[in-house]
Amino acid sequence: MNESPMPDLPSWDELDLPVLDEVVDESAVPVLAEEVLDVPDFDFSSELDVMQQTLAPPDHAMAELEIPELTLEDLDVVSPAS
């Protein structure tokens, strides 16, 4: 029989593991709905306008992409054998 390449692990009793003995009361969990958060209103429109002007390419740089319409004959599609 082949020996395992893993060394023998100590038993659970030999390990020095902490004992968890605290019980959490589920009703003590805080609920976010009870807190009132004051979130100020902010208008981001001016930042968006600046970003649009900064990132927009010049009008003359806009090149149109020409995609020709292809037919099956253009693609040399071989029909399946009957």
PDB file of N, CA and C in Angstrom:
ATOM      1  N   MET A   1       0.841  -1.166   0.000  1.00  0.00           N
ATOM      2  CA  MET A   1       0.000   0.000   0.000  1.00  0.00           C
ATOM      3  C   MET A   1       0.899   1.246   0.000  1.00  0.00           C
ATOM      4  N   ASN A   2       0.487   2.268  -0.728  1.00  0.00           N
ATOM      5  CA  ASN A   2       1.278   3.491  -0.799  1.00  0.00           C
ATOM      6  C   ASN A   2       1.062   4.345   0.441  1.00  0.00           C
ATOM      7  N   GLU A   3       2.160   4.978   0.880  1.00  0.00           N
ATOM      8  CA  GLU A   3       2.050   5.864   2.028  1.00  0.00           C
ATOM      9  C   GLU A   3       1.579   7.236   1.550  1.00  0.00           C
ATOM     10  N   SER A   4       0.830   7.904   2.379  1.00  0.00           N
ATOM     11  CA  SER A   4       0.319   9.216   2.044  1.00  0.00           C
ATOM     12  C   SER A   4       1.451  10.237   2.112  1.00  0.00           C
ATOM     13  N   PRO A   5       1.529  11.147   1.119  1.00  0.00           N
ATOM     14  CA  PRO A   5       2.579  12.167   1.163  1.00  0.00           C
ATOM     15  C   PRO A   5       2.300  13.234   2.226  1.00  0.00           C
ATOM     16  N   MET A   6       1.081  13.281   2.722  1.00  0.00           N
ATOM     17  CA  MET A   6       0.721  14.250   3.758  1.00  0.00           C
ATOM     18  C   MET A   6       1.152  13.709   5.122  1.00  0.00           C
ATOM     19  N   PRO A   7       1.743  14.575   5.945  1.00  0.00           N
ATOM     20  CA  PRO A   7       2.103  14.092   7.286  1.00  0.00           C
ATOM     21  C   PRO A   7       0.844  13.903   8.118  1.00  0.00           C
ATOM     22  N   ASP A   8       0.975  13.080   9.125  1.00  0.00           N
ATOM     23  CA  ASP A   8      -0.166  12.849  10.011  1.00  0.00           C
ATOM     24  C   ASP A   8      -0.484  14.129  10.766  1.00  0.00           C
ATOM     25  N   LEU A   9      -1.731  14.526  10.734  1.00  0.00           N
ATOM     26  CA  LEU A   9      -2.173  15.726  11.427  1.00  0.00           C
ATOM     27  C   LEU A   9      -2.534  15.379  12.862  1.00  0.00           C
ATOM     28  N   PRO A  10      -2.306  16.318  13.788  1.00  0.00           N
ATOM     29  CA  PRO A  10      -2.671  16.021  15.182  1.00  0.00           C
ATOM     30  C   PRO A  10      -4.188  15.963  15.321  1.00  0.00           C
ATOM     31  N   SER A  11      -4.626  15.300  16.333  1.00  0.00           N
ATOM     32  CA  SER A  11      -6.064  15.187  16.563  1.00  0.00           C
ATOM     33  C   SER A  11      -6.593  16.534  17.053  1.00  0.00           C
ATOM     34  N   TRP A  12      -7.899  16.699  16.996  1.00  0.00           N
ATOM     35  CA  TRP A  12      -8.525  17.952  17.415  1.00  0.00           C
ATOM     36  C   TRP A  12      -8.237  18.245  18.884  1.00  0.00           C
ATOM     37  N   ASP A  13      -8.151  17.215  19.676  1.00  0.00           N
ATOM     38  CA  ASP A  13      -7.910  17.406  21.103  1.00  0.00           C
ATOM     39  C   ASP A  13      -6.512  17.955  21.372  1.00  0.00           C
ATOM     40  N   GLU A  14      -5.548  17.628  20.520  1.00  0.00           N
ATOM     41  CA  GLU A  14      -4.178  18.080  20.727  1.00  0.00           C
ATOM     42  C   GLU A  14      -3.980  19.531  20.304  1.00  0.00           C
ATOM     43  N   LEU A  15      -4.858  20.048  19.448  1.00  0.00           N
ATOM     44  CA  LEU A  15      -4.726  21.422  18.988  1.00  0.00           C
ATOM     45  C   LEU A  15      -5.195  22.387  20.065  1.00  0.00           C
ATOM     46  N   ASP A  16      -4.514  23.506  20.169  1.00  0.00           N
ATOM     47  CA  ASP A  16      -4.888  24.511  21.166  1.00  0.00           C
ATOM     48  C   ASP A  16      -5.830  25.510  20.501  1.00  0.00           C
ATOM     49  N   LEU A  17      -7.079  25.131  20.332  1.00  0.00           N
ATOM     50  CA  LEU A  17      -8.074  25.974  19.672  1.00  0.00           C
ATOM     51  C   LEU A  17      -8.879  26.735  20.704  1.00  0.00           C
ATOM     52  N   PRO A  18      -9.260  27.983  20.393  1.00  0.00           N
ATOM     53  CA  PRO A  18     -10.082  28.728  21.353  1.00  0.00           C
ATOM     54  C   PRO A  18     -11.488  28.142  21.419  1.00  0.00           C
ATOM     55  N   VAL A  19     -12.083  28.271  22.574  1.00  0.00           N
ATOM     56  CA  VAL A  19     -13.442  27.785  22.772  1.00  0.00           C
ATOM     57  C   VAL A  19     -14.372  28.985  22.695  1.00  0.00           C
ATOM     58  N   LEU A  20     -15.296  28.934  21.782  1.00  0.00           N
ATOM     59  CA  LEU A  20     -16.252  30.024  21.625  1.00  0.00           C
ATOM     60  C   LEU A  20     -17.444  29.741  22.518  1.00  0.00           C
ATOM     61  N   ASP A  21     -17.621  30.613  23.496  1.00  0.00           N
ATOM     62  CA  ASP A  21     -18.726  30.400  24.424  1.00  0.00           C
ATOM     63  C   ASP A  21     -19.661  31.602  24.509  1.00  0.00           C
ATOM     64  N   GLU A  22     -19.438  32.628  23.676  1.00  0.00           N
ATOM     65  CA  GLU A  22     -20.318  33.787  23.692  1.00  0.00           C
ATOM     66  C   GLU A  22     -21.501  33.562  22.759  1.00  0.00           C
ATOM     67  N   VAL A  23     -22.662  33.997  23.196  1.00  0.00           N
ATOM     68  CA  VAL A  23     -23.863  33.881  22.381  1.00  0.00           C
ATOM     69  C   VAL A  23     -24.291  35.283  21.998  1.00  0.00           C
ATOM     70  N   VAL A  24     -24.498  35.504  20.721  1.00  0.00           N
ATOM     71  CA  VAL A  24     -24.887  36.827  20.240  1.00  0.00           C
ATOM     72  C   VAL A  24     -26.399  36.902  20.192  1.00  0.00           C
ATOM     73  N   ASP A  25     -26.926  37.969  20.761  1.00  0.00           N
ATOM     74  CA  ASP A  25     -28.360  38.190  20.730  1.00  0.00           C
ATOM     75  C   ASP A  25     -28.714  38.773  19.368  1.00  0.00           C
ATOM     76  N   GLU A  26     -29.537  38.065  18.587  1.00  0.00           N
ATOM     77  CA  GLU A  26     -29.865  38.511  17.231  1.00  0.00           C
ATOM     78  C   GLU A  26     -30.631  39.823  17.224  1.00  0.00           C
ATOM     79  N   SER A  27     -31.352  40.135  18.267  1.00  0.00           N
ATOM     80  CA  SER A  27     -32.107  41.380  18.308  1.00  0.00           C
ATOM     81  C   SER A  27     -31.187  42.577  18.518  1.00  0.00           C
ATOM     82  N   ALA A  28     -29.942  42.346  18.921  1.00  0.00           N
ATOM     83  CA  ALA A  28     -29.009  43.438  19.171  1.00  0.00           C
ATOM     84  C   ALA A  28     -28.304  43.898  17.898  1.00  0.00           C
ATOM     85  N   VAL A  29     -28.564  43.261  16.771  1.00  0.00           N
ATOM     86  CA  VAL A  29     -27.928  43.641  15.522  1.00  0.00           C
ATOM     87  C   VAL A  29     -28.498  44.984  15.083  1.00  0.00           C
ATOM     88  N   PRO A  30     -27.646  45.985  14.811  1.00  0.00           N
ATOM     89  CA  PRO A  30     -28.161  47.306  14.426  1.00  0.00           C
ATOM     90  C   PRO A  30     -28.825  47.265  13.049  1.00  0.00           C
ATOM     91  N   VAL A  31     -29.861  48.064  12.915  1.00  0.00           N
ATOM     92  CA  VAL A  31     -30.595  48.154  11.655  1.00  0.00           C
ATOM     93  C   VAL A  31     -30.345  49.535  11.074  1.00  0.00           C
ATOM     94  N   LEU A  32     -29.984  49.605   9.819  1.00  0.00           N
ATOM     95  CA  LEU A  32     -29.637  50.864   9.189  1.00  0.00           C
ATOM     96  C   LEU A  32     -30.835  51.801   9.087  1.00  0.00           C
ATOM     97  N   ALA A  33     -32.040  51.273   9.017  1.00  0.00           N
ATOM     98  CA  ALA A  33     -33.233  52.099   8.853  1.00  0.00           C
ATOM     99  C   ALA A  33     -33.481  52.989  10.067  1.00  0.00           C
ATOM    100  N   GLU A  34     -32.949  52.626  11.221  1.00  0.00           N
ATOM    101  CA  GLU A  34     -33.166  53.420  12.419  1.00  0.00           C
ATOM    102  C   GLU A  34     -32.322  54.699  12.414  1.00  0.00           C
ATOM    103  N   GLU A  35     -31.212  54.694  11.669  1.00  0.00           N
ATOM    104  CA  GLU A  35     -30.333  55.852  11.632  1.00  0.00           C
ATOM    105  C   GLU A  35     -30.774  56.793  10.521  1.00  0.00           C
ATOM    106  N   VAL A  36     -30.675  58.088  10.794  1.00  0.00           N
ATOM    107  CA  VAL A  36     -31.020  59.089   9.797  1.00  0.00           C
ATOM    108  C   VAL A  36     -29.713  59.656   9.250  1.00  0.00           C
ATOM    109  N   LEU A  37     -29.514  59.495   7.959  1.00  0.00           N
ATOM    110  CA  LEU A  37     -28.300  59.995   7.330  1.00  0.00           C
ATOM    111  C   LEU A  37     -28.625  61.267   6.560  1.00  0.00           C
ATOM    112  N   ASP A  38     -27.813  62.290   6.745  1.00  0.00           N
ATOM    113  CA  ASP A  38     -28.011  63.548   6.038  1.00  0.00           C
ATOM    114  C   ASP A  38     -27.029  63.595   4.873  1.00  0.00           C
ATOM    115  N   VAL A  39     -27.529  63.331   3.675  1.00  0.00           N
ATOM    116  CA  VAL A  39     -26.703  63.346   2.472  1.00  0.00           C
ATOM    117  C   VAL A  39     -26.995  64.632   1.726  1.00  0.00           C
ATOM    118  N   PRO A  40     -25.992  65.502   1.583  1.00  0.00           N
ATOM    119  CA  PRO A  40     -26.242  66.775   0.904  1.00  0.00           C
ATOM    120  C   PRO A  40     -26.442  66.566  -0.594  1.00  0.00           C
ATOM    121  N   ASP A  41     -27.271  67.432  -1.171  1.00  0.00           N
ATOM    122  CA  ASP A  41     -27.479  67.401  -2.616  1.00  0.00           C
ATOM    123  C   ASP A  41     -26.286  68.054  -3.291  1.00  0.00           C
ATOM    124  N   PHE A  42     -25.883  67.494  -4.417  1.00  0.00           N
ATOM    125  CA  PHE A  42     -24.768  68.069  -5.163  1.00  0.00           C
ATOM    126  C   PHE A  42     -25.064  67.944  -6.638  1.00  0.00           C
ATOM    127  N   ASP A  43     -24.792  69.003  -7.369  1.00  0.00           N
ATOM    128  CA  ASP A  43     -25.048  69.024  -8.798  1.00  0.00           C
ATOM    129  C   ASP A  43     -23.730  68.798  -9.534  1.00  0.00           C
ATOM    130  N   PHE A  44     -23.640  67.692 -10.237  1.00  0.00           N
ATOM    131  CA  PHE A  44     -22.420  67.341 -10.956  1.00  0.00           C
ATOM    132  C   PHE A  44     -22.420  67.833 -12.398  1.00  0.00           C
ATOM    133  N   SER A  45     -23.410  68.627 -12.804  1.00  0.00           N
ATOM    134  CA  SER A  45     -23.523  69.002 -14.210  1.00  0.00           C
ATOM    135  C   SER A  45     -22.315  69.806 -14.694  1.00  0.00           C
ATOM    136  N   SER A  46     -21.776  70.697 -13.865  1.00  0.00           N
ATOM    137  CA  SER A  46     -20.620  71.480 -14.313  1.00  0.00           C
ATOM    138  C   SER A  46     -19.401  70.586 -14.501  1.00  0.00           C
ATOM    139  N   GLU A  47     -19.205  69.602 -13.632  1.00  0.00           N
ATOM    140  CA  GLU A  47     -18.087  68.677 -13.795  1.00  0.00           C
ATOM    141  C   GLU A  47     -18.269  67.823 -15.047  1.00  0.00           C
ATOM    142  N   LEU A  48     -19.500  67.427 -15.328  1.00  0.00           N
ATOM    143  CA  LEU A  48     -19.751  66.638 -16.534  1.00  0.00           C
ATOM    144  C   LEU A  48     -19.507  67.455 -17.795  1.00  0.00           C
ATOM    145  N   ASP A  49     -19.866  68.748 -17.777  1.00  0.00           N
ATOM    146  CA  ASP A  49     -19.614  69.611 -18.933  1.00  0.00           C
ATOM    147  C   ASP A  49     -18.123  69.766 -19.187  1.00  0.00           C
ATOM    148  N   VAL A  50     -17.348  69.969 -18.130  1.00  0.00           N
ATOM    149  CA  VAL A  50     -15.893  70.101 -18.276  1.00  0.00           C
ATOM    150  C   VAL A  50     -15.301  68.806 -18.804  1.00  0.00           C
ATOM    151  N   MET A  51     -15.764  67.673 -18.303  1.00  0.00           N
ATOM    152  CA  MET A  51     -15.250  66.388 -18.750  1.00  0.00           C
ATOM    153  C   MET A  51     -15.590  66.142 -20.213  1.00  0.00           C
ATOM    154  N   GLN A  52     -16.789  66.522 -20.628  1.00  0.00           N
ATOM    155  CA  GLN A  52     -17.187  66.339 -22.020  1.00  0.00           C
ATOM    156  C   GLN A  52     -16.322  67.191 -22.948  1.00  0.00           C
ATOM    157  N   GLN A  53     -16.030  68.415 -22.551  1.00  0.00           N
ATOM    158  CA  GLN A  53     -15.189  69.278 -23.375  1.00  0.00           C
ATOM    159  C   GLN A  53     -13.754  68.778 -23.414  1.00  0.00           C
ATOM    160  N   THR A  54     -13.292  68.202 -22.334  1.00  0.00           N
ATOM    161  CA  THR A  54     -11.920  67.706 -22.263  1.00  0.00           C
ATOM    162  C   THR A  54     -11.751  66.418 -23.072  1.00  0.00           C
ATOM    163  N   LEU A  55     -12.720  65.538 -23.013  1.00  0.00           N
ATOM    164  CA  LEU A  55     -12.599  64.230 -23.649  1.00  0.00           C
ATOM    165  C   LEU A  55     -13.120  64.191 -25.083  1.00  0.00           C
ATOM    166  N   ALA A  56     -13.884  65.194 -25.509  1.00  0.00           N
ATOM    167  CA  ALA A  56     -14.471  65.163 -26.849  1.00  0.00           C
ATOM    168  C   ALA A  56     -13.386  65.396 -27.900  1.00  0.00           C
ATOM    169  N   PRO A  57     -13.325  64.537 -28.922  1.00  0.00           N
ATOM    170  CA  PRO A  57     -12.335  64.743 -29.990  1.00  0.00           C
ATOM    171  C   PRO A  57     -12.770  65.907 -30.879  1.00  0.00           C
ATOM    172  N   PRO A  58     -11.835  66.537 -31.560  1.00  0.00           N
ATOM    173  CA  PRO A  58     -12.207  67.614 -32.487  1.00  0.00           C
ATOM    174  C   PRO A  58     -13.100  67.089 -33.601  1.00  0.00           C
ATOM    175  N   ASP A  59     -13.928  67.980 -34.164  1.00  0.00           N
ATOM    176  CA  ASP A  59     -14.884  67.565 -35.192  1.00  0.00           C
ATOM    177  C   ASP A  59     -14.195  67.001 -36.427  1.00  0.00           C
ATOM    178  N   HIS A  60     -13.053  67.566 -36.815  1.00  0.00           N
ATOM    179  CA  HIS A  60     -12.391  67.091 -38.025  1.00  0.00           C
ATOM    180  C   HIS A  60     -11.755  65.710 -37.833  1.00  0.00           C
ATOM    181  N   ALA A  61     -11.594  65.283 -36.609  1.00  0.00           N
ATOM    182  CA  ALA A  61     -10.999  63.971 -36.343  1.00  0.00           C
ATOM    183  C   ALA A  61     -12.026  62.847 -36.440  1.00  0.00           C
ATOM    184  N   MET A  62     -13.304  63.190 -36.533  1.00  0.00           N
ATOM    185  CA  MET A  62     -14.325  62.159 -36.614  1.00  0.00           C
ATOM    186  C   MET A  62     -14.332  61.550 -38.016  1.00  0.00           C
ATOM    187  N   ALA A  63     -13.869  60.333 -38.130  1.00  0.00           N
ATOM    188  CA  ALA A  63     -13.867  59.638 -39.414  1.00  0.00           C
ATOM    189  C   ALA A  63     -15.000  58.636 -39.411  1.00  0.00           C
ATOM    190  N   GLU A  64     -15.706  58.576 -40.512  1.00  0.00           N
ATOM    191  CA  GLU A  64     -16.794  57.612 -40.605  1.00  0.00           C
ATOM    192  C   GLU A  64     -16.242  56.269 -41.052  1.00  0.00           C
ATOM    193  N   LEU A  65     -16.770  55.242 -40.474  1.00  0.00           N
ATOM    194  CA  LEU A  65     -16.363  53.894 -40.815  1.00  0.00           C
ATOM    195  C   LEU A  65     -17.279  53.392 -41.911  1.00  0.00           C
ATOM    196  N   GLU A  66     -16.686  53.021 -43.039  1.00  0.00           N
ATOM    197  CA  GLU A  66     -17.475  52.519 -44.160  1.00  0.00           C
ATOM    198  C   GLU A  66     -17.463  50.994 -44.117  1.00  0.00           C
ATOM    199  N   ILE A  67     -18.646  50.410 -43.975  1.00  0.00           N
ATOM    200  CA  ILE A  67     -18.783  48.961 -43.957  1.00  0.00           C
ATOM    201  C   ILE A  67     -19.559  48.566 -45.199  1.00  0.00           C
ATOM    202  N   PRO A  68     -18.891  47.905 -46.135  1.00  0.00           N
ATOM    203  CA  PRO A  68     -19.597  47.520 -47.358  1.00  0.00           C
ATOM    204  C   PRO A  68     -20.589  46.395 -47.094  1.00  0.00           C
ATOM    205  N   GLU A  69     -21.671  46.398 -47.837  1.00  0.00           N
ATOM    206  CA  GLU A  69     -22.660  45.335 -47.716  1.00  0.00           C
ATOM    207  C   GLU A  69     -22.177  44.148 -48.542  1.00  0.00           C
ATOM    208  N   LEU A  70     -22.076  43.001 -47.920  1.00  0.00           N
ATOM    209  CA  LEU A  70     -21.572  41.811 -48.585  1.00  0.00           C
ATOM    210  C   LEU A  70     -22.704  40.861 -48.913  1.00  0.00           C
ATOM    211  N   THR A  71     -22.559  40.205 -50.023  1.00  0.00           N
ATOM    212  CA  THR A  71     -23.517  39.172 -50.420  1.00  0.00           C
ATOM    213  C   THR A  71     -22.866  37.810 -50.209  1.00  0.00           C
ATOM    214  N   LEU A  72     -23.648  36.753 -50.359  1.00  0.00           N
ATOM    215  CA  LEU A  72     -23.090  35.407 -50.220  1.00  0.00           C
ATOM    216  C   LEU A  72     -22.054  35.125 -51.291  1.00  0.00           C
ATOM    217  N   GLU A  73     -22.247  35.686 -52.473  1.00  0.00           N
ATOM    218  CA  GLU A  73     -21.269  35.485 -53.540  1.00  0.00           C
ATOM    219  C   GLU A  73     -19.948  36.154 -53.178  1.00  0.00           C
ATOM    220  N   ASP A  74     -20.018  37.310 -52.534  1.00  0.00           N
ATOM    221  CA  ASP A  74     -18.797  37.998 -52.119  1.00  0.00           C
ATOM    222  C   ASP A  74     -18.024  37.185 -51.083  1.00  0.00           C
ATOM    223  N   LEU A  75     -18.726  36.425 -50.295  1.00  0.00           N
ATOM    224  CA  LEU A  75     -18.098  35.652 -49.238  1.00  0.00           C
ATOM    225  C   LEU A  75     -17.626  34.280 -49.695  1.00  0.00           C
ATOM    226  N   ASP A  76     -17.943  33.894 -50.921  1.00  0.00           N
ATOM    227  CA  ASP A  76     -17.584  32.575 -51.469  1.00  0.00           C
ATOM    228  C   ASP A  76     -18.059  31.459 -50.550  1.00  0.00           C
ATOM    229  N   VAL A  77     -19.326  31.511 -50.189  1.00  0.00           N
ATOM    230  CA  VAL A  77     -19.899  30.498 -49.320  1.00  0.00           C
ATOM    231  C   VAL A  77     -20.226  29.262 -50.177  1.00  0.00           C
ATOM    232  N   VAL A  78     -19.747  28.133 -49.718  1.00  0.00           N
ATOM    233  CA  VAL A  78     -19.992  26.885 -50.418  1.00  0.00           C
ATOM    234  C   VAL A  78     -21.287  26.297 -49.861  1.00  0.00           C
ATOM    235  N   SER A  79     -22.213  25.969 -50.727  1.00  0.00           N
ATOM    236  CA  SER A  79     -23.468  25.389 -50.266  1.00  0.00           C
ATOM    237  C   SER A  79     -23.220  23.970 -49.768  1.00  0.00           C
ATOM    238  N   PRO A  80     -23.971  23.552 -48.753  1.00  0.00           N
ATOM    239  CA  PRO A  80     -23.782  22.185 -48.232  1.00  0.00           C
ATOM    240  C   PRO A  80     -24.195  21.152 -49.267  1.00  0.00           C
ATOM    241  N   ALA A  81     -23.506  20.036 -49.256  1.00  0.00           N
ATOM    242  CA  ALA A  81     -23.788  18.960 -50.212  1.00  0.00           C
ATOM    243  C   ALA A  81     -25.142  18.336 -49.880  1.00  0.00           C
ATOM    244  N   SER A  82     -25.904  18.053 -50.911  1.00  0.00           N
ATOM    245  CA  SER A  82     -27.226  17.452 -50.716  1.00  0.00           C
ATOM    246  C   SER A  82     -27.138  15.966 -50.780  1.00  0.00           C
TER     247      SER A  82
END
